Amino acid sequence: MSTPADLDEQVTKVRDALHALRRTLLDLERTFADLDANALDVDALGDPTTAPEALESAVDALRAAQDTLGIADADLDVAKRHTSRLKTRE
């Protein structure tokens, strides 16, 4: 049987993994944002686009993902405030 303390530790591990994912995503976003769009090209697959358009869309999507993960992070903080208070009845 899982105890509240065990479950709280699992919430902590999920939150830590989310923080690591957010750091990785932020690094990717910054790395893409630092690229020189004029030095890039795009393939001919899909809808016509330019390298600057594709790069801007990629960076915007990575920022949106970061925002979404930020919401999940805040929700996990709320959960953690409550899970850390639970204990088995004596």
PDB file of N, CA and C in Angstrom:
ATOM      1  N   MET A   1       0.841  -1.184   0.000  1.00  0.00           N
ATOM      2  CA  MET A   1       0.000   0.000   0.000  1.00  0.00           C
ATOM      3  C   MET A   1       0.885   1.247   0.000  1.00  0.00           C
ATOM      4  N   SER A   2       0.500   2.223  -0.773  1.00  0.00           N
ATOM      5  CA  SER A   2       1.236   3.482  -0.809  1.00  0.00           C
ATOM      6  C   SER A   2       0.789   4.376   0.341  1.00  0.00           C
ATOM      7  N   THR A   3       1.759   4.970   0.983  1.00  0.00           N
ATOM      8  CA  THR A   3       1.440   5.906   2.054  1.00  0.00           C
ATOM      9  C   THR A   3       1.351   7.312   1.477  1.00  0.00           C
ATOM     10  N   PRO A   4       0.703   8.212   2.192  1.00  0.00           N
ATOM     11  CA  PRO A   4       0.671   9.597   1.712  1.00  0.00           C
ATOM     12  C   PRO A   4       2.078  10.174   1.497  1.00  0.00           C
ATOM     13  N   ALA A   5       3.011   9.803   2.351  1.00  0.00           N
ATOM     14  CA  ALA A   5       4.384  10.302   2.196  1.00  0.00           C
ATOM     15  C   ALA A   5       5.017   9.779   0.907  1.00  0.00           C
ATOM     16  N   ASP A   6       4.750   8.493   0.593  1.00  0.00           N
ATOM     17  CA  ASP A   6       5.260   7.920  -0.662  1.00  0.00           C
ATOM     18  C   ASP A   6       4.673   8.641  -1.872  1.00  0.00           C
ATOM     19  N   LEU A   7       3.380   8.880  -1.802  1.00  0.00           N
ATOM     20  CA  LEU A   7       2.705   9.565  -2.909  1.00  0.00           C
ATOM     21  C   LEU A   7       3.189  11.003  -3.047  1.00  0.00           C
ATOM     22  N   ASP A   8       3.414  11.668  -1.915  1.00  0.00           N
ATOM     23  CA  ASP A   8       3.936  13.040  -1.939  1.00  0.00           C
ATOM     24  C   ASP A   8       5.312  13.059  -2.594  1.00  0.00           C
ATOM     25  N   GLU A   9       6.122  12.049  -2.303  1.00  0.00           N
ATOM     26  CA  GLU A   9       7.452  11.966  -2.920  1.00  0.00           C
ATOM     27  C   GLU A   9       7.340  11.795  -4.431  1.00  0.00           C
ATOM     28  N   GLN A  10       6.342  11.060  -4.872  1.00  0.00           N
ATOM     29  CA  GLN A  10       6.125  10.905  -6.312  1.00  0.00           C
ATOM     30  C   GLN A  10       5.739  12.241  -6.955  1.00  0.00           C
ATOM     31  N   VAL A  11       4.926  13.025  -6.254  1.00  0.00           N
ATOM     32  CA  VAL A  11       4.575  14.364  -6.764  1.00  0.00           C
ATOM     33  C   VAL A  11       5.841  15.206  -6.882  1.00  0.00           C
ATOM     34  N   THR A  12       6.716  15.111  -5.897  1.00  0.00           N
ATOM     35  CA  THR A  12       7.983  15.847  -5.935  1.00  0.00           C
ATOM     36  C   THR A  12       8.817  15.430  -7.141  1.00  0.00           C
ATOM     37  N   LYS A  13       8.872  14.128  -7.414  1.00  0.00           N
ATOM     38  CA  LYS A  13       9.648  13.635  -8.558  1.00  0.00           C
ATOM     39  C   LYS A  13       9.055  14.128  -9.882  1.00  0.00           C
ATOM     40  N   VAL A  14       7.734  14.148  -9.971  1.00  0.00           N
ATOM     41  CA  VAL A  14       7.086  14.655 -11.191  1.00  0.00           C
ATOM     42  C   VAL A  14       7.408  16.134 -11.364  1.00  0.00           C
ATOM     43  N   ARG A  15       7.328  16.890 -10.278  1.00  0.00           N
ATOM     44  CA  ARG A  15       7.623  18.323 -10.351  1.00  0.00           C
ATOM     45  C   ARG A  15       9.076  18.560 -10.752  1.00  0.00           C
ATOM     46  N   ASP A  16       9.985  17.767 -10.191  1.00  0.00           N
ATOM     47  CA  ASP A  16      11.407  17.896 -10.553  1.00  0.00           C
ATOM     48  C   ASP A  16      11.626  17.578 -12.033  1.00  0.00           C
ATOM     49  N   ALA A  17      10.953  16.534 -12.530  1.00  0.00           N
ATOM     50  CA  ALA A  17      11.074  16.186 -13.944  1.00  0.00           C
ATOM     51  C   ALA A  17      10.513  17.305 -14.825  1.00  0.00           C
ATOM     52  N   LEU A  18       9.418  17.911 -14.391  1.00  0.00           N
ATOM     53  CA  LEU A  18       8.835  19.026 -15.139  1.00  0.00           C
ATOM     54  C   LEU A  18       9.795  20.216 -15.163  1.00  0.00           C
ATOM     55  N   HIS A  19      10.453  20.495 -14.047  1.00  0.00           N
ATOM     56  CA  HIS A  19      11.428  21.588 -14.015  1.00  0.00           C
ATOM     57  C   HIS A  19      12.577  21.323 -14.979  1.00  0.00           C
ATOM     58  N   ALA A  20      13.038  20.077 -15.021  1.00  0.00           N
ATOM     59  CA  ALA A  20      14.118  19.723 -15.954  1.00  0.00           C
ATOM     60  C   ALA A  20      13.650  19.879 -17.402  1.00  0.00           C
ATOM     61  N   LEU A  21      12.429  19.460 -17.681  1.00  0.00           N
ATOM     62  CA  LEU A  21      11.871  19.613 -19.025  1.00  0.00           C
ATOM     63  C   LEU A  21      11.755  21.083 -19.399  1.00  0.00           C
ATOM     64  N   ARG A  22      11.319  21.917 -18.466  1.00  0.00           N
ATOM     65  CA  ARG A  22      11.192  23.351 -18.741  1.00  0.00           C
ATOM     66  C   ARG A  22      12.553  23.975 -19.037  1.00  0.00           C
ATOM     67  N   ARG A  23      13.585  23.558 -18.300  1.00  0.00           N
ATOM     68  CA  ARG A  23      14.935  24.081 -18.559  1.00  0.00           C
ATOM     69  C   ARG A  23      15.411  23.677 -19.951  1.00  0.00           C
ATOM     70  N   THR A  24      15.177  22.416 -20.319  1.00  0.00           N
ATOM     71  CA  THR A  24      15.571  21.936 -21.644  1.00  0.00           C
ATOM     72  C   THR A  24      14.823  22.695 -22.731  1.00  0.00           C
ATOM     73  N   LEU A  25      13.543  22.876 -22.539  1.00  0.00           N
ATOM     74  CA  LEU A  25      12.723  23.596 -23.507  1.00  0.00           C
ATOM     75  C   LEU A  25      13.183  25.046 -23.641  1.00  0.00           C
ATOM     76  N   LEU A  26      13.506  25.683 -22.523  1.00  0.00           N
ATOM     77  CA  LEU A  26      13.997  27.057 -22.564  1.00  0.00           C
ATOM     78  C   LEU A  26      15.317  27.139 -23.323  1.00  0.00           C
ATOM     79  N   ASP A  27      16.204  26.173 -23.100  1.00  0.00           N
ATOM     80  CA  ASP A  27      17.473  26.142 -23.842  1.00  0.00           C
ATOM     81  C   ASP A  27      17.221  26.008 -25.344  1.00  0.00           C
ATOM     82  N   LEU A  28      16.288  25.141 -25.712  1.00  0.00           N
ATOM     83  CA  LEU A  28      15.946  24.986 -27.136  1.00  0.00           C
ATOM     84  C   LEU A  28      15.389  26.279 -27.713  1.00  0.00           C
ATOM     85  N   GLU A  29      14.480  26.880 -26.981  1.00  0.00           N
ATOM     86  CA  GLU A  29      13.878  28.136 -27.451  1.00  0.00           C
ATOM     87  C   GLU A  29      14.953  29.196 -27.683  1.00  0.00           C
ATOM     88  N   ARG A  30      15.850  29.342 -26.738  1.00  0.00           N
ATOM     89  CA  ARG A  30      16.913  30.348 -26.863  1.00  0.00           C
ATOM     90  C   ARG A  30      17.856  30.023 -28.014  1.00  0.00           C
ATOM     91  N   THR A  31      18.167  28.745 -28.177  1.00  0.00           N
ATOM     92  CA  THR A  31      19.073  28.340 -29.251  1.00  0.00           C
ATOM     93  C   THR A  31      18.447  28.621 -30.615  1.00  0.00           C
ATOM     94  N   PHE A  32      17.174  28.272 -30.770  1.00  0.00           N
ATOM     95  CA  PHE A  32      16.496  28.584 -32.034  1.00  0.00           C
ATOM     96  C   PHE A  32      16.396  30.094 -32.232  1.00  0.00           C
ATOM     97  N   ALA A  33      16.081  30.836 -31.186  1.00  0.00           N
ATOM     98  CA  ALA A  33      15.944  32.290 -31.303  1.00  0.00           C
ATOM     99  C   ALA A  33      17.262  32.953 -31.699  1.00  0.00           C
ATOM    100  N   ASP A  34      18.382  32.328 -31.347  1.00  0.00           N
ATOM    101  CA  ASP A  34      19.693  32.886 -31.687  1.00  0.00           C
ATOM    102  C   ASP A  34      20.121  32.593 -33.131  1.00  0.00           C
ATOM    103  N   LEU A  35      19.396  31.697 -33.816  1.00  0.00           N
ATOM    104  CA  LEU A  35      19.757  31.389 -35.200  1.00  0.00           C
ATOM    105  C   LEU A  35      19.512  32.592 -36.110  1.00  0.00           C
ATOM    106  N   ASP A  36      20.344  32.712 -37.116  1.00  0.00           N
ATOM    107  CA  ASP A  36      20.186  33.763 -38.114  1.00  0.00           C
ATOM    108  C   ASP A  36      19.284  33.231 -39.228  1.00  0.00           C
ATOM    109  N   ALA A  37      18.058  33.721 -39.258  1.00  0.00           N
ATOM    110  CA  ALA A  37      17.073  33.230 -40.240  1.00  0.00           C
ATOM    111  C   ALA A  37      17.554  33.425 -41.675  1.00  0.00           C
ATOM    112  N   ASN A  38      18.367  34.443 -41.908  1.00  0.00           N
ATOM    113  CA  ASN A  38      18.863  34.710 -43.258  1.00  0.00           C
ATOM    114  C   ASN A  38      19.917  33.698 -43.703  1.00  0.00           C
ATOM    115  N   ALA A  39      20.446  32.943 -42.773  1.00  0.00           N
ATOM    116  CA  ALA A  39      21.437  31.927 -43.099  1.00  0.00           C
ATOM    117  C   ALA A  39      20.791  30.548 -43.246  1.00  0.00           C
ATOM    118  N   LEU A  40      19.468  30.490 -43.120  1.00  0.00           N
ATOM    119  CA  LEU A  40      18.737  29.223 -43.186  1.00  0.00           C
ATOM    120  C   LEU A  40      17.895  29.133 -44.444  1.00  0.00           C
ATOM    121  N   ASP A  41      17.485  27.928 -44.738  1.00  0.00           N
ATOM    122  CA  ASP A  41      16.584  27.674 -45.856  1.00  0.00           C
ATOM    123  C   ASP A  41      15.533  26.689 -45.379  1.00  0.00           C
ATOM    124  N   VAL A  42      14.492  26.469 -46.152  1.00  0.00           N
ATOM    125  CA  VAL A  42      13.458  25.495 -45.814  1.00  0.00           C
ATOM    126  C   VAL A  42      13.325  24.495 -46.958  1.00  0.00           C
ATOM    127  N   ASP A  43      12.747  23.334 -46.626  1.00  0.00           N
ATOM    128  CA  ASP A  43      12.530  22.337 -47.672  1.00  0.00           C
ATOM    129  C   ASP A  43      11.289  22.713 -48.486  1.00  0.00           C
ATOM    130  N   ALA A  44      11.002  21.940 -49.501  1.00  0.00           N
ATOM    131  CA  ALA A  44       9.870  22.217 -50.385  1.00  0.00           C
ATOM    132  C   ALA A  44       8.628  21.420 -49.996  1.00  0.00           C
ATOM    133  N   LEU A  45       8.673  20.725 -48.880  1.00  0.00           N
ATOM    134  CA  LEU A  45       7.541  19.928 -48.427  1.00  0.00           C
ATOM    135  C   LEU A  45       6.502  20.821 -47.746  1.00  0.00           C
ATOM    136  N   GLY A  46       5.250  20.476 -47.860  1.00  0.00           N
ATOM    137  CA  GLY A  46       4.207  21.224 -47.166  1.00  0.00           C
ATOM    138  C   GLY A  46       3.920  22.566 -47.794  1.00  0.00           C
ATOM    139  N   ASP A  47       3.211  23.408 -47.037  1.00  0.00           N
ATOM    140  CA  ASP A  47       2.853  24.744 -47.513  1.00  0.00           C
ATOM    141  C   ASP A  47       4.104  25.587 -47.713  1.00  0.00           C
ATOM    142  N   PRO A  48       4.075  26.451 -48.722  1.00  0.00           N
ATOM    143  CA  PRO A  48       5.227  27.332 -48.943  1.00  0.00           C
ATOM    144  C   PRO A  48       5.472  28.230 -47.725  1.00  0.00           C
ATOM    145  N   THR A  49       6.734  28.392 -47.388  1.00  0.00           N
ATOM    146  CA  THR A  49       7.119  29.259 -46.274  1.00  0.00           C
ATOM    147  C   THR A  49       8.542  29.731 -46.508  1.00  0.00           C
ATOM    148  N   THR A  50       8.976  30.619 -45.670  1.00  0.00           N
ATOM    149  CA  THR A  50      10.360  31.087 -45.718  1.00  0.00           C
ATOM    150  C   THR A  50      11.045  30.681 -44.417  1.00  0.00           C
ATOM    151  N   ALA A  51      12.348  30.715 -44.431  1.00  0.00           N
ATOM    152  CA  ALA A  51      13.103  30.381 -43.225  1.00  0.00           C
ATOM    153  C   ALA A  51      12.753  31.325 -42.065  1.00  0.00           C
ATOM    154  N   PRO A  52      12.669  32.655 -42.298  1.00  0.00           N
ATOM    155  CA  PRO A  52      12.288  33.531 -41.184  1.00  0.00           C
ATOM    156  C   PRO A  52      10.899  33.205 -40.616  1.00  0.00           C
ATOM    157  N   GLU A  53       9.947  32.882 -41.499  1.00  0.00           N
ATOM    158  CA  GLU A  53       8.606  32.527 -41.020  1.00  0.00           C
ATOM    159  C   GLU A  53       8.628  31.234 -40.212  1.00  0.00           C
ATOM    160  N   ALA A  54       9.331  30.228 -40.739  1.00  0.00           N
ATOM    161  CA  ALA A  54       9.403  28.940 -40.051  1.00  0.00           C
ATOM    162  C   ALA A  54      10.100  29.080 -38.702  1.00  0.00           C
ATOM    163  N   LEU A  55      11.175  29.852 -38.675  1.00  0.00           N
ATOM    164  CA  LEU A  55      11.912  30.054 -37.427  1.00  0.00           C
ATOM    165  C   LEU A  55      11.058  30.789 -36.407  1.00  0.00           C
ATOM    166  N   GLU A  56      10.380  31.845 -36.833  1.00  0.00           N
ATOM    167  CA  GLU A  56       9.523  32.595 -35.919  1.00  0.00           C
ATOM    168  C   GLU A  56       8.399  31.710 -35.370  1.00  0.00           C
ATOM    169  N   SER A  57       7.802  30.907 -36.238  1.00  0.00           N
ATOM    170  CA  SER A  57       6.734  29.999 -35.803  1.00  0.00           C
ATOM    171  C   SER A  57       7.259  28.962 -34.814  1.00  0.00           C
ATOM    172  N   ALA A  58       8.440  28.460 -35.065  1.00  0.00           N
ATOM    173  CA  ALA A  58       9.032  27.472 -34.159  1.00  0.00           C
ATOM    174  C   ALA A  58       9.280  28.074 -32.782  1.00  0.00           C
ATOM    175  N   VAL A  59       9.866  29.261 -32.755  1.00  0.00           N
ATOM    176  CA  VAL A  59      10.153  29.923 -31.479  1.00  0.00           C
ATOM    177  C   VAL A  59       8.850  30.253 -30.749  1.00  0.00           C
ATOM    178  N   ASP A  60       7.849  30.741 -31.476  1.00  0.00           N
ATOM    179  CA  ASP A  60       6.550  31.027 -30.857  1.00  0.00           C
ATOM    180  C   ASP A  60       5.933  29.769 -30.252  1.00  0.00           C
ATOM    181  N   ALA A  61       6.019  28.655 -30.966  1.00  0.00           N
ATOM    182  CA  ALA A  61       5.452  27.402 -30.460  1.00  0.00           C
ATOM    183  C   ALA A  61       6.213  26.901 -29.231  1.00  0.00           C
ATOM    184  N   LEU A  62       7.522  27.049 -29.234  1.00  0.00           N
ATOM    185  CA  LEU A  62       8.303  26.656 -28.062  1.00  0.00           C
ATOM    186  C   LEU A  62       7.961  27.532 -26.862  1.00  0.00           C
ATOM    187  N   ARG A  63       7.733  28.819 -27.105  1.00  0.00           N
ATOM    188  CA  ARG A  63       7.311  29.713 -26.008  1.00  0.00           C
ATOM    189  C   ARG A  63       5.925  29.329 -25.489  1.00  0.00           C
ATOM    190  N   ALA A  64       5.035  28.965 -26.387  1.00  0.00           N
ATOM    191  CA  ALA A  64       3.690  28.534 -25.984  1.00  0.00           C
ATOM    192  C   ALA A  64       3.778  27.252 -25.148  1.00  0.00           C
ATOM    193  N   ALA A  65       4.647  26.342 -25.552  1.00  0.00           N
ATOM    194  CA  ALA A  65       4.838  25.119 -24.774  1.00  0.00           C
ATOM    195  C   ALA A  65       5.382  25.449 -23.390  1.00  0.00           C
ATOM    196  N   GLN A  66       6.300  26.398 -23.333  1.00  0.00           N
ATOM    197  CA  GLN A  66       6.849  26.840 -22.044  1.00  0.00           C
ATOM    198  C   GLN A  66       5.742  27.424 -21.160  1.00  0.00           C
ATOM    199  N   ASP A  67       4.862  28.209 -21.754  1.00  0.00           N
ATOM    200  CA  ASP A  67       3.735  28.774 -20.996  1.00  0.00           C
ATOM    201  C   ASP A  67       2.824  27.673 -20.468  1.00  0.00           C
ATOM    202  N   THR A  68       2.548  26.694 -21.306  1.00  0.00           N
ATOM    203  CA  THR A  68       1.694  25.576 -20.904  1.00  0.00           C
ATOM    204  C   THR A  68       2.320  24.797 -19.753  1.00  0.00           C
ATOM    205  N   LEU A  69       3.608  24.543 -19.856  1.00  0.00           N
ATOM    206  CA  LEU A  69       4.290  23.841 -18.780  1.00  0.00           C
ATOM    207  C   LEU A  69       4.339  24.684 -17.507  1.00  0.00           C
ATOM    208  N   GLY A  70       4.364  25.996 -17.658  1.00  0.00           N
ATOM    209  CA  GLY A  70       4.322  26.878 -16.493  1.00  0.00           C
ATOM    210  C   GLY A  70       3.013  26.731 -15.733  1.00  0.00           C
ATOM    211  N   ILE A  71       1.930  26.566 -16.468  1.00  0.00           N
ATOM    212  CA  ILE A  71       0.626  26.349 -15.834  1.00  0.00           C
ATOM    213  C   ILE A  71       0.632  25.019 -15.091  1.00  0.00           C
ATOM    214  N   ALA A  72       1.173  23.982 -15.720  1.00  0.00           N
ATOM    215  CA  ALA A  72       1.268  22.675 -15.068  1.00  0.00           C
ATOM    216  C   ALA A  72       2.136  22.755 -13.818  1.00  0.00           C
ATOM    217  N   ASP A  73       3.205  23.521 -13.884  1.00  0.00           N
ATOM    218  CA  ASP A  73       4.098  23.702 -12.745  1.00  0.00           C
ATOM    219  C   ASP A  73       3.356  24.356 -11.582  1.00  0.00           C
ATOM    220  N   ALA A  74       2.586  25.376 -11.878  1.00  0.00           N
ATOM    221  CA  ALA A  74       1.809  26.053 -10.831  1.00  0.00           C
ATOM    222  C   ALA A  74       0.785  25.099 -10.214  1.00  0.00           C
ATOM    223  N   ASP A  75       0.150  24.288 -11.049  1.00  0.00           N
ATOM    224  CA  ASP A  75      -0.815  23.309 -10.542  1.00  0.00           C
ATOM    225  C   ASP A  75      -0.139  22.279  -9.639  1.00  0.00           C
ATOM    226  N   LEU A  76       1.055  21.850 -10.024  1.00  0.00           N
ATOM    227  CA  LEU A  76       1.789  20.898  -9.185  1.00  0.00           C
ATOM    228  C   LEU A  76       2.189  21.528  -7.853  1.00  0.00           C
ATOM    229  N   ASP A  77       2.496  22.827  -7.855  1.00  0.00           N
ATOM    230  CA  ASP A  77       2.799  23.510  -6.590  1.00  0.00           C
ATOM    231  C   ASP A  77       1.594  23.479  -5.660  1.00  0.00           C
ATOM    232  N   VAL A  78       0.413  23.694  -6.219  1.00  0.00           N
ATOM    233  CA  VAL A  78      -0.812  23.633  -5.410  1.00  0.00           C
ATOM    234  C   VAL A  78      -1.002  22.213  -4.881  1.00  0.00           C
ATOM    235  N   ALA A  79      -0.856  21.237  -5.757  1.00  0.00           N
ATOM    236  CA  ALA A  79      -0.998  19.846  -5.324  1.00  0.00           C
ATOM    237  C   ALA A  79       0.001  19.521  -4.217  1.00  0.00           C
ATOM    238  N   LYS A  80       1.233  19.977  -4.374  1.00  0.00           N
ATOM    239  CA  LYS A  80       2.291  19.697  -3.399  1.00  0.00           C
ATOM    240  C   LYS A  80       1.963  20.300  -2.038  1.00  0.00           C
ATOM    241  N   ARG A  81       1.385  21.491  -2.032  1.00  0.00           N
ATOM    242  CA  ARG A  81       0.997  22.108  -0.755  1.00  0.00           C
ATOM    243  C   ARG A  81       0.025  21.212   0.002  1.00  0.00           C
ATOM    244  N   HIS A  82      -0.822  20.509  -0.733  1.00  0.00           N
ATOM    245  CA  HIS A  82      -1.821  19.655  -0.092  1.00  0.00           C
ATOM    246  C   HIS A  82      -1.292  18.243   0.172  1.00  0.00           C
ATOM    247  N   THR A  83      -0.568  17.675  -0.789  1.00  0.00           N
ATOM    248  CA  THR A  83      -0.075  16.301  -0.590  1.00  0.00           C
ATOM    249  C   THR A  83       0.932  16.237   0.550  1.00  0.00           C
ATOM    250  N   SER A  84       1.692  17.306   0.767  1.00  0.00           N
ATOM    251  CA  SER A  84       2.692  17.307   1.828  1.00  0.00           C
ATOM    252  C   SER A  84       2.050  17.336   3.223  1.00  0.00           C
ATOM    253  N   ARG A  85       0.789  17.657   3.298  1.00  0.00           N
ATOM    254  CA  ARG A  85       0.115  17.730   4.588  1.00  0.00           C
ATOM    255  C   ARG A  85      -0.576  16.426   4.979  1.00  0.00           C
ATOM    256  N   LEU A  86      -0.731  15.524   4.027  1.00  0.00           N
ATOM    257  CA  LEU A  86      -1.439  14.290   4.311  1.00  0.00           C
ATOM    258  C   LEU A  86      -0.561  13.290   5.052  1.00  0.00           C
ATOM    259  N   LYS A  87      -1.186  12.555   5.966  1.00  0.00           N
ATOM    260  CA  LYS A  87      -0.483  11.499   6.698  1.00  0.00           C
ATOM    261  C   LYS A  87      -1.486  10.411   7.049  1.00  0.00           C
ATOM    262  N   THR A  88      -0.961   9.232   7.345  1.00  0.00           N
ATOM    263  CA  THR A  88      -1.805   8.111   7.716  1.00  0.00           C
ATOM    264  C   THR A  88      -2.347   8.345   9.117  1.00  0.00           C
ATOM    265  N   ARG A  89      -3.599   8.032   9.291  1.00  0.00           N
ATOM    266  CA  ARG A  89      -4.238   8.200  10.602  1.00  0.00           C
ATOM    267  C   ARG A  89      -3.608   7.216  11.585  1.00  0.00           C
ATOM    268  N   GLU A  90      -3.332   7.701  12.781  1.00  0.00           N
ATOM    269  CA  GLU A  90      -2.700   6.865  13.809  1.00  0.00           C
ATOM    270  C   GLU A  90      -3.718   6.058  14.569  1.00  0.00           C
TER     271      GLU A  90
END
